[in-house]
């Protein structure tokens, strides 16, 4: 397996998001950080939780297979999530609402008390690569890369990885700061919410929240790490 073949087989597409830079419309199909603007009429903001993000999936340039049935995700985070970061699964501290239809949604004005809310502008990337330590790399590639590095013919971050994307992201690979975690083959990584200086979101020390979804059981897992 050549370096070019490794790069081609490891590369994954993803939708990454730029924070702000456009005038907000508050219309359907506008994704946000720090704000949830839509729900069904019977739904309310969960008590003890803050609105963290809104992701409209329908028109994004890339959505992973596990999320194809959804048109909208809204995410609320518990006020005391940072008291539980030593836990491997933070799912109890997130309220994740996944909508298969946009019909019947009503407008809301739910904004995080401590974040600056901004619309998110999507962009397609096709060259997302796993980090070396727990980034979702298949074992056969890891073994081959180790062999090539020992032979002195390859440096992973110089020869394979073109760019890292520690951004809000759907699809691709998790941009782990430290060693990652794996919730199993049936629960792939699907979404990342990153520290965001513009929105004044600092996940401890430039960390990220990582979301994994099991399509069959319809269950979510959430992990956090930071420097």
Protein backbone atom coordinates (compact mmCIF):
# COMPACT_ATOMS: atom_id res chain seq x y z
CA UNK A 1 0.00 0.00 0.00
CA UNK A 2 1.53 3.31 -1.10
CA UNK A 3 1.26 6.66 0.66
CA UNK A 4 -1.16 7.84 -2.04
CA UNK A 5 -3.35 4.76 -1.54
CA UNK A 6 -3.41 5.28 2.24
CA UNK A 7 -4.41 8.91 1.81
CA UNK A 8 -7.15 8.07 -0.69
CA UNK A 9 -8.67 5.31 1.45
CA UNK A 10 -8.48 7.18 4.75
CA UNK A 11 -9.93 10.49 3.52
CA UNK A 12 -13.54 11.15 4.50
CA UNK A 13 -15.94 13.92 3.54
CA UNK A 14 -17.55 16.16 6.14
CA UNK A 15 -19.53 19.35 6.48
CA UNK A 16 -17.64 21.92 8.57
CA UNK A 17 -19.15 25.16 9.79
CA UNK A 18 -17.94 28.75 9.89
CA UNK A 19 -19.34 30.75 12.78
CA UNK A 20 -21.06 33.98 11.75
CA UNK A 21 -19.96 36.21 8.93
CA UNK A 22 -23.50 36.57 7.54
CA UNK A 23 -26.61 38.42 8.59
CA UNK A 24 -28.91 35.99 10.44
CA UNK A 25 -32.35 35.30 8.98
CA UNK A 26 -33.83 33.03 11.68
CA UNK A 27 -35.49 31.14 8.84
CA UNK A 28 -35.78 27.40 8.43
CA UNK A 29 -32.57 25.74 7.19
CA UNK A 30 -30.30 28.10 9.15
CA UNK A 31 -27.98 26.27 11.56
CA UNK A 32 -26.83 27.94 14.78
CA UNK A 33 -24.44 27.74 17.71
CA UNK A 34 -25.75 28.93 21.07
CA UNK A 35 -29.36 29.03 19.89
CA UNK A 36 -32.33 26.76 19.19
CA UNK A 37 -35.06 28.41 17.17
CA UNK A 38 -37.45 25.57 16.30
CA UNK A 39 -39.43 22.82 17.99
CA UNK A 40 -42.79 21.11 17.84
CA UNK A 41 -45.56 23.01 19.66
CA UNK A 42 -45.73 20.53 22.54
CA UNK A 43 -41.98 20.74 23.21
CA UNK A 44 -40.43 23.15 25.68
CA UNK A 45 -36.87 24.02 26.61
CA UNK A 46 -35.78 21.28 29.01
CA UNK A 47 -35.40 22.47 32.59
CA UNK A 48 -31.79 22.77 33.69
CA UNK A 49 -30.48 22.72 30.11
CA UNK A 50 -29.16 25.44 27.81
CA UNK A 51 -29.70 25.57 24.02
CA UNK A 52 -26.35 24.68 22.45
CA UNK A 53 -26.82 24.14 18.72
CA UNK A 54 -29.19 23.76 15.78
CA UNK A 55 -28.25 21.75 12.70
CA UNK A 56 -30.52 21.58 9.66
CA UNK A 57 -29.33 18.55 7.72
CA UNK A 58 -31.52 18.54 4.62
CA UNK A 59 -29.44 20.86 2.43
CA UNK A 60 -25.98 20.23 3.84
CA UNK A 61 -23.30 19.22 1.32
CA UNK A 62 -22.53 16.06 3.30
CA UNK A 63 -24.40 14.08 5.98
CA UNK A 64 -23.21 10.67 7.25
CA UNK A 65 -25.39 7.66 6.52
CA UNK A 66 -26.44 7.24 10.16
CA UNK A 67 -28.14 10.67 10.09
CA UNK A 68 -29.76 10.46 6.65
CA UNK A 69 -33.26 9.97 8.06
CA UNK A 70 -33.15 13.28 9.97
CA UNK A 71 -33.78 16.78 8.71
CA UNK A 72 -33.02 18.69 11.90
CA UNK A 73 -31.02 18.19 15.09
CA UNK A 74 -31.32 20.46 18.11
CA UNK A 75 -29.02 20.05 21.06
CA UNK A 76 -29.37 21.27 24.65
CA UNK A 77 -26.60 20.91 27.24
CA UNK A 78 -27.05 20.50 30.99
CA UNK A 79 -26.01 23.41 33.21
CA UNK A 80 -23.71 21.12 35.20
CA UNK A 81 -22.16 19.09 32.37
CA UNK A 82 -18.68 20.27 33.33
CA UNK A 83 -19.02 18.55 36.70
CA UNK A 84 -19.15 15.17 34.92
CA UNK A 85 -16.39 15.29 32.32
CA UNK A 86 -14.59 12.33 33.91
CA UNK A 87 -17.45 10.09 32.76
CA UNK A 88 -16.98 8.16 29.53
CA UNK A 89 -20.49 8.87 28.25
CA UNK A 90 -22.05 12.31 28.80
CA UNK A 91 -25.33 11.39 27.12
CA UNK A 92 -27.41 12.02 30.31
CA UNK A 93 -26.27 15.66 30.21
CA UNK A 94 -27.49 16.38 26.69
CA UNK A 95 -31.01 16.64 25.32
CA UNK A 96 -30.75 15.73 21.64
CA UNK A 97 -33.87 16.14 19.51
CA UNK A 98 -33.81 14.53 16.07
CA UNK A 99 -36.59 15.48 13.64
CA UNK A 100 -37.49 13.44 10.58
CA UNK A 101 -39.79 16.19 9.26
CA UNK A 102 -39.92 19.96 9.37
CA UNK A 103 -43.69 20.07 9.09
CA UNK A 104 -45.41 21.49 12.14
CA UNK A 105 -42.37 23.18 13.63
CA UNK A 106 -42.97 26.45 15.49
CA UNK A 107 -40.57 29.34 15.99
CA UNK A 108 -38.73 29.62 19.30
CA UNK A 109 -36.28 32.12 20.79
CA UNK A 110 -34.17 29.87 22.99
CA UNK A 111 -30.68 31.28 23.46
CA UNK A 112 -27.85 30.13 25.72
CA UNK A 113 -27.47 32.45 28.71
CA UNK A 114 -23.68 32.66 28.47
CA UNK A 115 -22.88 32.22 24.77
CA UNK A 116 -23.07 34.61 21.87
CA UNK A 117 -25.40 33.05 19.32
CA UNK A 118 -24.31 32.96 15.67
CA UNK A 119 -25.59 31.32 12.51
CA UNK A 120 -23.34 28.61 11.10
CA UNK A 121 -22.30 28.57 7.46
CA UNK A 122 -21.68 25.04 6.04
CA UNK A 123 -18.77 24.07 3.82
CA UNK A 124 -17.92 20.73 2.22
CA UNK A 125 -14.50 19.19 2.81
CA UNK A 126 -13.33 15.92 1.29
CA UNK A 127 -9.97 15.50 3.03
CA UNK A 128 -10.70 14.85 6.69
CA UNK A 129 -8.22 12.39 8.23
CA UNK A 130 -8.11 10.63 11.61
CA UNK A 131 -5.73 11.74 14.30
CA UNK A 132 -3.11 9.18 15.13
CA UNK A 133 -4.15 8.57 18.75
CA UNK A 134 -7.71 7.26 18.91
CA UNK A 135 -9.06 9.10 15.91
CA UNK A 136 -10.99 6.26 14.33
CA UNK A 137 -8.25 4.86 12.12
CA UNK A 138 -8.84 1.23 11.01
CA UNK A 139 -6.31 -1.18 12.50
CA UNK A 140 -4.91 -2.32 9.15
CA UNK A 141 -3.95 1.24 8.25
CA UNK A 142 -2.39 1.84 11.64
CA UNK A 143 -0.19 -1.23 11.24
CA UNK A 144 0.90 -0.22 7.74
CA UNK A 145 1.65 3.38 8.77
CA UNK A 146 3.68 2.17 11.76
CA UNK A 147 5.72 -0.04 9.45
CA UNK A 148 6.38 2.80 7.00
CA UNK A 149 7.31 5.19 9.81
CA UNK A 150 9.75 2.65 11.25
CA UNK A 151 11.27 2.30 7.81
CA UNK A 152 11.65 6.08 7.66
CA UNK A 153 9.60 6.41 4.47
CA UNK A 154 6.55 8.15 5.95
CA UNK A 155 5.65 10.78 8.52
CA UNK A 156 1.91 10.60 9.16
CA UNK A 157 1.29 14.30 9.78
CA UNK A 158 3.57 15.44 6.96
CA UNK A 159 2.67 12.88 4.30
CA UNK A 160 -0.96 11.94 5.01
CA UNK A 161 -2.81 14.65 6.93
CA UNK A 162 -3.34 17.77 4.83
CA UNK A 163 -5.22 19.78 7.44
CA UNK A 164 -6.99 19.27 10.77
CA UNK A 165 -10.53 20.55 11.28
CA UNK A 166 -11.15 21.30 14.99
CA UNK A 167 -14.46 22.95 14.04
CA UNK A 168 -18.16 22.31 14.37
CA UNK A 169 -18.44 19.36 12.04
CA UNK A 170 -20.88 16.74 10.73
CA UNK A 171 -19.25 13.60 9.38
CA UNK A 172 -15.54 13.04 8.93
CA UNK A 173 -13.44 12.08 11.94
CA UNK A 174 -13.48 13.36 15.52
CA UNK A 175 -10.70 15.88 16.12
CA UNK A 176 -9.62 14.41 19.45
CA UNK A 177 -7.32 16.54 21.59
CA UNK A 178 -6.11 13.53 23.59
CA UNK A 179 -6.79 9.81 23.35
CA UNK A 180 -10.22 9.15 21.90
CA UNK A 181 -12.96 6.68 22.65
CA UNK A 182 -14.86 4.13 20.56
CA UNK A 183 -18.50 3.26 21.23
CA UNK A 184 -18.43 0.32 18.83
CA UNK A 185 -18.94 -0.35 15.15
CA UNK A 186 -22.68 0.28 15.35
CA UNK A 187 -22.24 3.74 16.91
CA UNK A 188 -20.15 5.79 14.48
CA UNK A 189 -18.98 9.33 15.11
CA UNK A 190 -21.41 11.73 13.42
CA UNK A 191 -21.05 15.20 14.91
CA UNK A 192 -18.59 17.49 16.67
CA UNK A 193 -19.20 20.72 18.57
CA UNK A 194 -15.94 22.55 19.07
CA UNK A 195 -14.69 25.32 21.30
CA UNK A 196 -15.62 28.53 19.52
CA UNK A 197 -14.00 31.84 20.48
CA UNK A 198 -16.47 33.90 18.48
CA UNK A 199 -19.43 32.33 20.28
CA UNK A 200 -17.49 32.48 23.57
CA UNK A 201 -17.76 28.71 23.91
CA UNK A 202 -14.69 27.25 25.60
CA UNK A 203 -15.06 23.57 26.41
CA UNK A 204 -12.69 23.59 29.41
CA UNK A 205 -9.48 24.20 27.46
CA UNK A 206 -10.17 24.31 23.72
CA UNK A 207 -11.90 20.94 23.85
CA UNK A 208 -14.75 19.42 21.88
CA UNK A 209 -17.98 17.52 22.38
CA UNK A 210 -18.24 14.41 20.16
CA UNK A 211 -21.55 12.75 19.28
CA UNK A 212 -22.00 9.13 18.20
CA UNK A 213 -25.27 7.63 16.94
CA UNK A 214 -26.50 4.03 16.74
CA UNK A 215 -28.99 3.92 13.87
CA UNK A 216 -30.62 0.62 14.86
CA UNK A 217 -31.17 1.34 18.56
CA UNK A 218 -31.60 5.09 17.96
CA UNK A 219 -29.26 5.78 20.84
CA UNK A 220 -26.74 8.58 21.23
CA UNK A 221 -23.40 8.72 23.01
CA UNK A 222 -21.48 11.87 23.86
CA UNK A 223 -17.81 12.20 24.76
CA UNK A 224 -15.67 15.20 25.67
CA UNK A 225 -11.96 15.80 25.75
CA UNK A 226 -9.70 18.83 25.99
CA UNK A 227 -6.07 19.83 26.31
